[in-house]
Amino acid sequence: MASSPRRGPYICGIDAAMDVLSGKWKGLILWELEAHGVRRFAELRRGLPGVSEKMLTQHLREMEQDGLVHREVYAEVPPRVEYSLTEHGRTLNAALAPLGAWGSDRIRRERSELVEHADAAAMPRP
């Protein structure tokens, strides 16, 4: 079972923001859902090479608890589950855009290797 969100007390706004972004994959899950709008679990997993099923499940549950991700379960056989960003998740993505620009600049400055991702071209560049 995923741990419940911390919900404060917080030292500052950055502390509160990092509380919902804790974990390696959450920012990338936001990025993937922004690129596609709606994704099934397997599609998210394919879009995030290296994430384990357990970690993706845990992060999605936490993000749903934090109001960032909407989980829609369809009564079908087999069951179909789709994930999408909530308005709250979209505002967090917008807030992360300057951080993404800073990271892109760092990649160039440090001459770091950038992993090719099929959907990278679909994402807006700052």
Protein backbone atom coordinates (compact mmCIF):
# COMPACT_ATOMS: atom_id res chain seq x y z
CA MET A 1 0.00 0.00 0.00
CA ALA A 2 1.31 3.43 -0.92
CA SER A 3 2.15 5.77 1.91
CA SER A 4 -0.23 8.64 2.45
CA PRO A 5 0.87 12.14 1.45
CA ARG A 6 2.73 14.12 4.09
CA ARG A 7 0.35 17.11 4.05
CA GLY A 8 2.62 19.35 6.12
CA PRO A 9 3.60 21.11 8.14
CA TYR A 10 5.81 22.63 5.49
CA ILE A 11 8.75 24.99 5.73
CA CYS A 12 7.88 26.77 2.47
CA GLY A 13 6.12 26.35 -0.87
CA ILE A 14 9.06 24.47 -2.37
CA ASP A 15 8.77 21.93 0.47
CA ALA A 16 5.05 21.45 -0.27
CA ALA A 17 5.70 21.09 -4.01
CA MET A 18 8.51 18.61 -3.52
CA ASP A 19 6.23 16.56 -1.26
CA VAL A 20 3.98 15.73 -4.22
CA LEU A 21 6.93 15.36 -6.61
CA SER A 22 8.97 13.03 -4.43
CA GLY A 23 10.14 10.00 -6.35
CA LYS A 24 12.11 9.67 -9.54
CA TRP A 25 9.16 8.97 -11.84
CA LYS A 26 6.45 11.45 -10.87
CA GLY A 27 7.72 14.31 -13.01
CA LEU A 28 8.10 11.95 -15.95
CA ILE A 29 4.59 10.56 -15.44
CA LEU A 30 3.30 14.15 -15.57
CA TRP A 31 5.33 14.71 -18.75
CA GLU A 32 4.01 11.53 -20.38
CA LEU A 33 0.38 12.35 -19.55
CA GLU A 34 0.82 15.91 -20.81
CA ALA A 35 2.12 14.55 -24.12
CA HIS A 36 -0.76 12.08 -24.62
CA GLY A 37 -3.69 13.24 -22.53
CA VAL A 38 -4.89 9.73 -21.62
CA ARG A 39 -2.76 6.65 -21.15
CA ARG A 40 -3.37 3.09 -20.07
CA PHE A 41 -0.97 1.54 -17.57
CA ALA A 42 0.96 -0.45 -20.18
CA GLU A 43 1.28 2.63 -22.40
CA LEU A 44 2.70 4.62 -19.48
CA ARG A 45 5.11 1.81 -18.71
CA ARG A 46 6.33 1.69 -22.33
CA GLY A 47 6.72 5.47 -22.34
CA LEU A 48 8.91 5.39 -19.23
CA PRO A 49 11.75 2.94 -19.93
CA GLY A 50 13.25 1.66 -16.70
CA VAL A 51 10.24 2.12 -14.42
CA SER A 52 9.13 -1.03 -12.61
CA GLU A 53 5.49 -2.04 -12.47
CA LYS A 54 5.55 -1.72 -8.68
CA MET A 55 7.02 1.80 -8.73
CA LEU A 56 4.66 3.00 -11.45
CA THR A 57 1.68 1.64 -9.52
CA GLN A 58 2.88 3.28 -6.30
CA HIS A 59 3.50 6.66 -7.92
CA LEU A 60 0.18 6.64 -9.76
CA ARG A 61 -1.67 5.89 -6.50
CA GLU A 62 0.13 8.70 -4.69
CA MET A 63 -0.50 11.10 -7.56
CA GLU A 64 -4.17 10.18 -7.54
CA GLN A 65 -4.31 10.84 -3.78
CA ASP A 66 -2.65 14.22 -4.35
CA GLY A 67 -5.23 15.11 -6.99
CA LEU A 68 -2.72 15.22 -9.87
CA VAL A 69 -3.95 12.19 -11.81
CA HIS A 70 -7.43 10.90 -12.55
CA ARG A 71 -7.90 7.12 -12.71
CA GLU A 72 -10.88 5.92 -14.76
CA VAL A 73 -11.91 2.27 -14.47
CA TYR A 74 -14.21 0.90 -17.17
CA ALA A 75 -16.49 -2.03 -16.35
CA GLU A 76 -15.28 -4.28 -19.15
CA VAL A 77 -13.77 -7.74 -19.35
CA PRO A 78 -10.86 -7.49 -19.05
CA PRO A 79 -11.09 -4.23 -17.05
CA ARG A 80 -9.71 -1.15 -18.75
CA VAL A 81 -8.07 1.55 -16.65
CA GLU A 82 -7.01 4.92 -18.05
CA TYR A 83 -4.99 7.70 -16.45
CA SER A 84 -5.15 11.39 -17.27
CA LEU A 85 -4.05 14.66 -15.72
CA THR A 86 -6.43 16.62 -13.57
CA GLU A 87 -6.53 20.41 -13.77
CA HIS A 88 -4.35 20.41 -10.64
CA GLY A 89 -1.84 18.17 -12.45
CA ARG A 90 -1.85 20.48 -15.48
CA THR A 91 -1.06 23.48 -13.27
CA LEU A 92 1.85 21.56 -11.74
CA ASN A 93 3.13 20.75 -15.23
CA ALA A 94 2.95 24.45 -16.10
CA ALA A 95 4.87 25.27 -12.92
CA LEU A 96 7.53 22.69 -13.87
CA ALA A 97 8.11 24.18 -17.35
CA PRO A 98 10.77 26.67 -16.12
CA LEU A 99 12.50 23.83 -14.25
CA GLY A 100 12.49 21.80 -17.48
CA ALA A 101 14.06 24.75 -19.31
CA TRP A 102 16.72 24.97 -16.61
CA GLY A 103 17.37 21.23 -16.96
CA SER A 104 17.64 21.48 -20.76
CA ASP A 105 20.17 24.28 -20.34
CA ARG A 106 22.11 22.12 -17.90
CA ILE A 107 22.14 19.21 -20.36
CA ARG A 108 23.65 21.51 -23.00
CA ARG A 109 26.07 23.18 -20.57
CA GLU A 110 27.34 19.89 -19.14
CA ARG A 111 27.24 18.20 -22.55
CA SER A 112 25.27 15.40 -20.91
CA GLU A 113 23.88 12.53 -22.88
CA LEU A 114 20.19 12.84 -23.70
CA VAL A 115 18.18 9.65 -24.04
CA GLU A 116 16.17 9.60 -27.23
CA HIS A 117 12.46 9.30 -26.56
CA ALA A 118 9.93 8.85 -29.36
CA ASP A 119 7.55 11.39 -27.82
CA ALA A 120 10.10 14.09 -27.04
CA ALA A 121 9.27 15.93 -30.26
CA ALA A 122 5.59 16.10 -29.25
CA MET A 123 6.34 18.01 -26.05
CA PRO A 124 6.45 21.80 -26.10
CA ARG A 125 9.93 23.20 -25.71
CA PRO A 126 10.49 26.24 -23.49
